[in-house]
């Protein structure tokens, strides 16, 4: 029996979903697969934090709280920033040009053998170490 695909959302992908931007249909498709247990879907809490601060900055604390409640209702595994993951993310950041938060997504994807779902061009620098599925791009 083939193993289930594993996907990891970065902040770009979750914001695409929340804001109904191009690429949203693919995120919805992956969420439906996860809901039906046909894939594993995860996100690092560090990247969720990115989504929340971006939302609060642009749309206020109340909206950020609503987003958090929505995210917690999704079929999404939220990954803690463990000591090991922090050290792996630091190594990724040292070796590649991308944000520290994005380094957490890469480190988690490497650990979980997951496909990163994003449209963030910073991930072009890590395509040799993780598989990236591009939203609204390639």
N, C-alpha and C. Protein backbone atom coordinates (compact mmCIF):
# COMPACT_ATOMS: atom_id res chain seq x y z
N UNK A 1 0.84 -1.19 0.00
CA UNK A 1 0.00 0.00 0.00
C UNK A 1 0.88 1.24 0.00
N UNK A 2 0.62 2.16 -0.90
CA UNK A 2 1.40 3.39 -0.98
C UNK A 2 1.12 4.28 0.22
N UNK A 3 2.16 4.97 0.67
CA UNK A 3 1.96 5.87 1.79
C UNK A 3 1.24 7.14 1.33
N UNK A 4 0.61 7.80 2.28
CA UNK A 4 -0.12 9.02 1.96
C UNK A 4 0.86 10.15 1.66
N UNK A 5 0.49 11.04 0.74
CA UNK A 5 1.34 12.21 0.52
C UNK A 5 1.34 13.09 1.78
N UNK A 6 2.43 13.81 1.95
CA UNK A 6 2.59 14.71 3.10
C UNK A 6 2.84 16.10 2.56
N UNK A 7 2.04 17.05 3.01
CA UNK A 7 2.16 18.44 2.58
C UNK A 7 2.41 19.34 3.78
N UNK A 8 3.14 20.41 3.55
CA UNK A 8 3.41 21.40 4.58
C UNK A 8 3.07 22.78 4.02
N UNK A 9 2.17 23.48 4.68
CA UNK A 9 1.82 24.84 4.27
C UNK A 9 2.79 25.82 4.90
N UNK A 10 3.26 26.77 4.13
CA UNK A 10 3.98 27.89 4.72
C UNK A 10 2.98 29.02 4.91
N UNK A 11 3.43 30.14 5.42
CA UNK A 11 2.51 31.26 5.69
C UNK A 11 1.89 31.78 4.39
N UNK A 12 2.64 31.80 3.31
CA UNK A 12 2.12 32.26 2.02
C UNK A 12 0.89 31.44 1.62
N UNK A 13 1.00 30.11 1.75
CA UNK A 13 -0.10 29.23 1.35
C UNK A 13 -1.33 29.45 2.22
N UNK A 14 -1.13 29.59 3.53
CA UNK A 14 -2.28 29.80 4.41
C UNK A 14 -2.93 31.15 4.14
N UNK A 15 -2.13 32.17 3.91
CA UNK A 15 -2.68 33.50 3.58
C UNK A 15 -3.41 33.47 2.23
N UNK A 16 -2.91 32.69 1.29
CA UNK A 16 -3.59 32.51 0.00
C UNK A 16 -4.99 31.96 0.23
N UNK A 17 -5.08 30.97 1.09
CA UNK A 17 -6.37 30.36 1.43
C UNK A 17 -7.28 31.37 2.15
N UNK A 18 -6.75 32.02 3.16
CA UNK A 18 -7.56 32.94 3.97
C UNK A 18 -8.05 34.14 3.17
N UNK A 19 -7.26 34.60 2.22
CA UNK A 19 -7.59 35.80 1.45
C UNK A 19 -8.18 35.50 0.08
N UNK A 20 -8.43 34.22 -0.20
CA UNK A 20 -9.01 33.79 -1.47
C UNK A 20 -8.23 34.35 -2.66
N UNK A 21 -6.93 34.14 -2.61
CA UNK A 21 -6.03 34.62 -3.66
C UNK A 21 -5.75 33.51 -4.67
N UNK A 22 -5.14 33.84 -5.81
CA UNK A 22 -4.79 32.80 -6.79
C UNK A 22 -3.97 31.70 -6.12
N UNK A 23 -4.36 30.47 -6.36
CA UNK A 23 -3.75 29.32 -5.69
C UNK A 23 -4.64 28.76 -4.60
N UNK A 24 -5.66 29.51 -4.22
CA UNK A 24 -6.58 29.09 -3.16
C UNK A 24 -7.24 27.75 -3.46
N UNK A 25 -7.60 27.52 -4.72
CA UNK A 25 -8.27 26.26 -5.07
C UNK A 25 -7.39 25.06 -4.74
N UNK A 26 -6.10 25.17 -4.98
CA UNK A 26 -5.20 24.05 -4.68
C UNK A 26 -5.09 23.84 -3.16
N UNK A 27 -5.02 24.92 -2.40
CA UNK A 27 -4.98 24.77 -0.94
C UNK A 27 -6.27 24.12 -0.45
N UNK A 28 -7.40 24.53 -0.99
CA UNK A 28 -8.67 23.92 -0.61
C UNK A 28 -8.69 22.42 -0.96
N UNK A 29 -8.13 22.08 -2.11
CA UNK A 29 -8.07 20.68 -2.53
C UNK A 29 -7.24 19.85 -1.53
N UNK A 30 -6.11 20.38 -1.11
CA UNK A 30 -5.26 19.67 -0.15
C UNK A 30 -5.96 19.58 1.21
N UNK A 31 -6.65 20.63 1.61
CA UNK A 31 -7.42 20.58 2.87
C UNK A 31 -8.49 19.49 2.81
N UNK A 32 -9.15 19.35 1.66
CA UNK A 32 -10.18 18.31 1.50
C UNK A 32 -9.54 16.92 1.57
N UNK A 33 -8.36 16.76 0.96
CA UNK A 33 -7.66 15.49 1.05
C UNK A 33 -7.31 15.16 2.51
N UNK A 34 -6.84 16.16 3.23
CA UNK A 34 -6.50 15.96 4.64
C UNK A 34 -7.74 15.62 5.47
N UNK A 35 -8.83 16.30 5.18
CA UNK A 35 -10.10 16.05 5.89
C UNK A 35 -10.54 14.60 5.69
N UNK A 36 -10.30 14.07 4.49
CA UNK A 36 -10.67 12.69 4.17
C UNK A 36 -9.55 11.69 4.46
N UNK A 37 -8.53 12.16 5.16
CA UNK A 37 -7.39 11.33 5.56
C UNK A 37 -6.66 10.70 4.38
N UNK A 38 -6.63 11.42 3.27
CA UNK A 38 -5.92 10.93 2.08
C UNK A 38 -4.53 11.54 1.97
N UNK A 39 -4.20 12.44 2.91
CA UNK A 39 -2.86 13.00 3.00
C UNK A 39 -2.66 13.49 4.43
N UNK A 40 -1.42 13.75 4.76
CA UNK A 40 -1.10 14.45 6.01
C UNK A 40 -0.83 15.90 5.63
N UNK A 41 -1.32 16.80 6.45
CA UNK A 41 -1.13 18.23 6.21
C UNK A 41 -0.64 18.87 7.49
N UNK A 42 0.43 19.63 7.39
CA UNK A 42 1.01 20.23 8.58
C UNK A 42 1.49 21.65 8.33
N UNK A 43 1.77 22.31 9.44
CA UNK A 43 2.32 23.67 9.40
C UNK A 43 3.07 23.89 10.71
N UNK A 44 4.18 24.60 10.63
CA UNK A 44 4.94 24.95 11.84
C UNK A 44 4.23 26.09 12.57
N UNK A 45 4.23 26.00 13.88
CA UNK A 45 3.64 27.08 14.67
C UNK A 45 4.33 28.42 14.41
N UNK A 46 5.62 28.39 14.09
CA UNK A 46 6.33 29.63 13.77
C UNK A 46 5.69 30.29 12.55
N UNK A 47 5.34 29.49 11.54
CA UNK A 47 4.70 30.04 10.34
C UNK A 47 3.28 30.49 10.61
N UNK A 48 2.58 29.80 11.50
CA UNK A 48 1.26 30.28 11.92
C UNK A 48 1.40 31.63 12.60
N UNK A 49 2.43 31.78 13.42
CA UNK A 49 2.69 33.08 14.05
C UNK A 49 2.87 34.19 13.04
N UNK A 50 3.54 33.88 11.93
CA UNK A 50 3.68 34.85 10.84
C UNK A 50 2.31 35.29 10.32
N UNK A 51 1.45 34.31 10.06
CA UNK A 51 0.11 34.60 9.55
C UNK A 51 -0.64 35.48 10.53
N UNK A 52 -0.52 35.18 11.81
CA UNK A 52 -1.26 35.93 12.82
C UNK A 52 -0.76 37.37 12.95
N UNK A 53 0.57 37.57 12.93
CA UNK A 53 1.03 38.96 13.05
C UNK A 53 0.71 39.76 11.79
N UNK A 54 0.77 39.12 10.63
CA UNK A 54 0.41 39.82 9.38
C UNK A 54 -1.07 40.21 9.42
N UNK A 55 -1.90 39.29 9.88
CA UNK A 55 -3.34 39.55 9.96
C UNK A 55 -3.63 40.65 10.97
N UNK A 56 -3.02 40.56 12.14
CA UNK A 56 -3.27 41.58 13.16
C UNK A 56 -2.79 42.95 12.71
N UNK A 57 -1.64 42.99 12.09
CA UNK A 57 -1.10 44.27 11.62
C UNK A 57 -2.02 44.90 10.58
N UNK A 58 -2.55 44.10 9.68
CA UNK A 58 -3.36 44.63 8.59
C UNK A 58 -4.84 44.75 8.90
N UNK A 59 -5.36 43.85 9.77
CA UNK A 59 -6.81 43.80 9.95
C UNK A 59 -7.26 43.80 11.40
N UNK A 60 -6.31 43.88 12.34
CA UNK A 60 -6.65 44.00 13.75
C UNK A 60 -6.60 42.70 14.53
N UNK A 61 -6.55 42.85 15.85
CA UNK A 61 -6.44 41.71 16.76
C UNK A 61 -7.65 40.80 16.69
N UNK A 62 -8.83 41.37 16.60
CA UNK A 62 -10.03 40.54 16.55
C UNK A 62 -10.00 39.60 15.34
N UNK A 63 -9.58 40.11 14.19
CA UNK A 63 -9.50 39.27 12.99
C UNK A 63 -8.42 38.19 13.17
N UNK A 64 -7.31 38.55 13.78
CA UNK A 64 -6.25 37.56 14.01
C UNK A 64 -6.76 36.45 14.92
N UNK A 65 -7.56 36.78 15.90
CA UNK A 65 -8.13 35.77 16.79
C UNK A 65 -9.11 34.87 16.03
N UNK A 66 -9.87 35.45 15.11
CA UNK A 66 -10.79 34.65 14.28
C UNK A 66 -10.00 33.71 13.37
N UNK A 67 -8.90 34.21 12.82
CA UNK A 67 -8.05 33.37 11.96
C UNK A 67 -7.49 32.21 12.77
N UNK A 68 -7.03 32.47 13.98
CA UNK A 68 -6.50 31.40 14.82
C UNK A 68 -7.57 30.34 15.08
N UNK A 69 -8.78 30.77 15.40
CA UNK A 69 -9.86 29.81 15.64
C UNK A 69 -10.15 28.99 14.38
N UNK A 70 -10.15 29.64 13.23
CA UNK A 70 -10.38 28.93 11.97
C UNK A 70 -9.28 27.91 11.72
N UNK A 71 -8.04 28.33 11.86
CA UNK A 71 -6.91 27.44 11.61
C UNK A 71 -6.96 26.22 12.53
N UNK A 72 -7.32 26.45 13.78
CA UNK A 72 -7.39 25.34 14.73
C UNK A 72 -8.51 24.37 14.39
N UNK A 73 -9.46 24.77 13.53
CA UNK A 73 -10.54 23.87 13.12
C UNK A 73 -10.19 23.10 11.84
N UNK A 74 -9.10 23.45 11.20
CA UNK A 74 -8.70 22.80 9.95
C UNK A 74 -8.02 21.46 10.22
N UNK A 75 -8.02 20.55 9.25
CA UNK A 75 -7.34 19.26 9.41
C UNK A 75 -5.83 19.42 9.20
N UNK A 76 -5.22 20.14 10.12
CA UNK A 76 -3.84 20.60 9.98
C UNK A 76 -3.08 20.26 11.26
N UNK A 77 -1.98 19.53 11.13
CA UNK A 77 -1.11 19.27 12.27
C UNK A 77 -0.23 20.49 12.49
N UNK A 78 -0.28 21.06 13.68
CA UNK A 78 0.57 22.20 14.00
C UNK A 78 1.81 21.68 14.73
N UNK A 79 2.97 21.94 14.14
CA UNK A 79 4.24 21.42 14.65
C UNK A 79 4.90 22.40 15.59
N UNK A 80 5.22 21.93 16.78
CA UNK A 80 5.92 22.76 17.76
C UNK A 80 7.34 23.07 17.30
N UNK A 81 7.86 24.16 17.80
CA UNK A 81 9.25 24.52 17.54
C UNK A 81 10.11 23.88 18.63
N UNK A 82 10.38 22.60 18.45
CA UNK A 82 11.21 21.85 19.40
C UNK A 82 12.67 22.30 19.28
N UNK A 83 13.46 21.91 20.24
CA UNK A 83 14.89 22.23 20.21
C UNK A 83 15.52 21.70 18.92
N UNK A 84 15.21 20.46 18.57
CA UNK A 84 15.78 19.87 17.35
C UNK A 84 15.36 20.63 16.10
N UNK A 85 14.09 21.01 16.03
CA UNK A 85 13.63 21.74 14.85
C UNK A 85 14.28 23.13 14.78
N UNK A 86 14.44 23.77 15.93
CA UNK A 86 15.12 25.08 15.97
C UNK A 86 16.54 24.96 15.45
N UNK A 87 17.24 23.93 15.87
CA UNK A 87 18.63 23.74 15.41
C UNK A 87 18.67 23.44 13.91
N UNK A 88 17.73 22.64 13.44
CA UNK A 88 17.67 22.33 12.00
C UNK A 88 17.34 23.59 11.20
N UNK A 89 16.41 24.40 11.70
CA UNK A 89 16.05 25.64 11.00
C UNK A 89 17.22 26.61 10.97
N UNK A 90 17.98 26.67 12.06
CA UNK A 90 19.16 27.54 12.10
C UNK A 90 20.17 27.11 11.03
N UNK A 91 20.34 25.80 10.87
CA UNK A 91 21.26 25.29 9.85
C UNK A 91 20.76 25.65 8.44
N UNK A 92 19.46 25.47 8.21
CA UNK A 92 18.87 25.83 6.91
C UNK A 92 19.10 27.31 6.63
N UNK A 93 18.83 28.15 7.63
CA UNK A 93 18.99 29.60 7.47
C UNK A 93 20.45 29.96 7.18
N UNK A 94 21.38 29.28 7.83
CA UNK A 94 22.81 29.56 7.62
C UNK A 94 23.25 29.22 6.20
N UNK A 95 22.59 28.23 5.60
CA UNK A 95 23.02 27.73 4.29
C UNK A 95 22.23 28.27 3.10
N UNK A 96 21.11 28.95 3.37
CA UNK A 96 20.24 29.40 2.28
C UNK A 96 19.73 30.81 2.55
N UNK A 97 19.44 31.51 1.46
CA UNK A 97 18.92 32.87 1.56
C UNK A 97 17.40 32.82 1.63
N UNK A 98 16.89 32.82 2.85
CA UNK A 98 15.45 32.86 3.08
C UNK A 98 15.22 33.31 4.51
N UNK A 99 14.00 33.68 4.83
CA UNK A 99 13.71 34.18 6.17
C UNK A 99 13.86 33.06 7.20
N UNK A 100 14.06 33.44 8.44
CA UNK A 100 14.19 32.46 9.51
C UNK A 100 12.91 31.66 9.66
N UNK A 101 11.75 32.31 9.56
CA UNK A 101 10.47 31.59 9.65
C UNK A 101 10.36 30.58 8.51
N UNK A 102 10.74 30.96 7.31
CA UNK A 102 10.71 30.02 6.18
C UNK A 102 11.67 28.85 6.42
N UNK A 103 12.77 29.11 7.11
CA UNK A 103 13.71 28.03 7.42
C UNK A 103 13.05 26.96 8.29
N UNK A 104 12.11 27.36 9.14
CA UNK A 104 11.37 26.37 9.93
C UNK A 104 10.52 25.49 9.03
N UNK A 105 9.87 26.08 8.05
CA UNK A 105 9.06 25.29 7.11
C UNK A 105 9.94 24.31 6.36
N UNK A 106 11.10 24.75 5.92
CA UNK A 106 12.01 23.87 5.19
C UNK A 106 12.51 22.74 6.09
N UNK A 107 12.94 23.09 7.30
CA UNK A 107 13.44 22.07 8.23
C UNK A 107 12.37 21.04 8.54
N UNK A 108 11.15 21.49 8.76
CA UNK A 108 10.05 20.55 9.05
C UNK A 108 9.75 19.69 7.83
N UNK A 109 9.76 20.28 6.64
CA UNK A 109 9.50 19.52 5.42
C UNK A 109 10.58 18.47 5.21
N UNK A 110 11.82 18.81 5.48
CA UNK A 110 12.91 17.85 5.36
C UNK A 110 12.69 16.69 6.34
N UNK A 111 12.35 17.03 7.57
CA UNK A 111 12.16 16.02 8.61
C UNK A 111 10.99 15.09 8.28
N UNK A 112 9.90 15.65 7.77
CA UNK A 112 8.67 14.89 7.53
C UNK A 112 8.56 14.36 6.10
N UNK A 113 9.57 14.66 5.27
CA UNK A 113 9.55 14.30 3.85
C UNK A 113 8.27 14.84 3.19
N UNK A 114 8.01 16.10 3.46
CA UNK A 114 6.79 16.76 2.99
C UNK A 114 7.07 17.67 1.81
N UNK A 115 6.05 17.87 1.01
CA UNK A 115 6.07 18.83 -0.09
C UNK A 115 5.65 20.18 0.48
N UNK A 116 6.46 21.20 0.28
CA UNK A 116 6.12 22.55 0.74
C UNK A 116 5.17 23.18 -0.26
N UNK A 117 4.04 23.67 0.24
CA UNK A 117 3.07 24.36 -0.59
C UNK A 117 3.27 25.85 -0.35
N UNK A 118 3.63 26.58 -1.41
CA UNK A 118 3.94 28.01 -1.27
C UNK A 118 3.89 28.70 -2.62
N UNK A 119 3.97 29.99 -2.58
CA UNK A 119 4.18 30.81 -3.76
C UNK A 119 5.28 31.82 -3.48
N UNK A 120 5.90 31.69 -2.32
CA UNK A 120 6.95 32.61 -1.87
C UNK A 120 8.23 32.35 -2.65
N UNK A 121 8.73 33.33 -3.42
CA UNK A 121 9.93 33.11 -4.24
C UNK A 121 11.18 32.78 -3.43
N UNK A 122 11.20 33.07 -2.12
CA UNK A 122 12.37 32.71 -1.31
C UNK A 122 12.64 31.21 -1.34
N UNK A 123 11.59 30.42 -1.57
CA UNK A 123 11.75 28.97 -1.57
C UNK A 123 12.48 28.46 -2.81
N UNK A 124 12.70 29.32 -3.80
CA UNK A 124 13.50 28.91 -4.96
C UNK A 124 14.90 28.52 -4.54
N UNK A 125 15.39 29.10 -3.44
CA UNK A 125 16.76 28.82 -2.99
C UNK A 125 16.90 27.46 -2.32
N UNK A 126 15.77 26.79 -2.04
CA UNK A 126 15.85 25.50 -1.33
C UNK A 126 15.26 24.35 -2.14
N UNK A 127 14.98 24.58 -3.41
CA UNK A 127 14.38 23.53 -4.23
C UNK A 127 15.29 22.30 -4.38
N UNK A 128 16.57 22.45 -4.11
CA UNK A 128 17.46 21.30 -4.17
C UNK A 128 17.41 20.46 -2.90
N UNK A 129 16.78 20.97 -1.82
CA UNK A 129 16.72 20.20 -0.57
C UNK A 129 15.31 19.76 -0.18
N UNK A 130 14.30 20.42 -0.71
CA UNK A 130 12.91 20.02 -0.47
C UNK A 130 12.11 20.15 -1.76
N UNK A 131 11.03 19.39 -1.84
CA UNK A 131 10.14 19.50 -2.97
C UNK A 131 9.17 20.65 -2.70
N UNK A 132 9.02 21.52 -3.69
CA UNK A 132 8.14 22.69 -3.55
C UNK A 132 7.05 22.58 -4.61
N UNK A 133 5.83 22.74 -4.17
CA UNK A 133 4.70 22.87 -5.11
C UNK A 133 4.30 24.33 -5.10
N UNK A 134 4.39 24.95 -6.27
CA UNK A 134 4.18 26.38 -6.40
C UNK A 134 2.71 26.73 -6.61
N UNK A 135 2.22 27.66 -5.83
CA UNK A 135 0.87 28.18 -6.00
C UNK A 135 0.93 29.37 -6.94
N UNK A 136 0.15 29.31 -7.99
CA UNK A 136 0.03 30.44 -8.91
C UNK A 136 1.32 30.84 -9.57
N UNK A 137 2.25 29.90 -9.75
CA UNK A 137 3.52 30.26 -10.37
C UNK A 137 3.86 29.25 -11.44
N UNK A 138 4.82 28.42 -11.21
CA UNK A 138 5.40 27.51 -12.19
C UNK A 138 4.43 26.56 -12.81
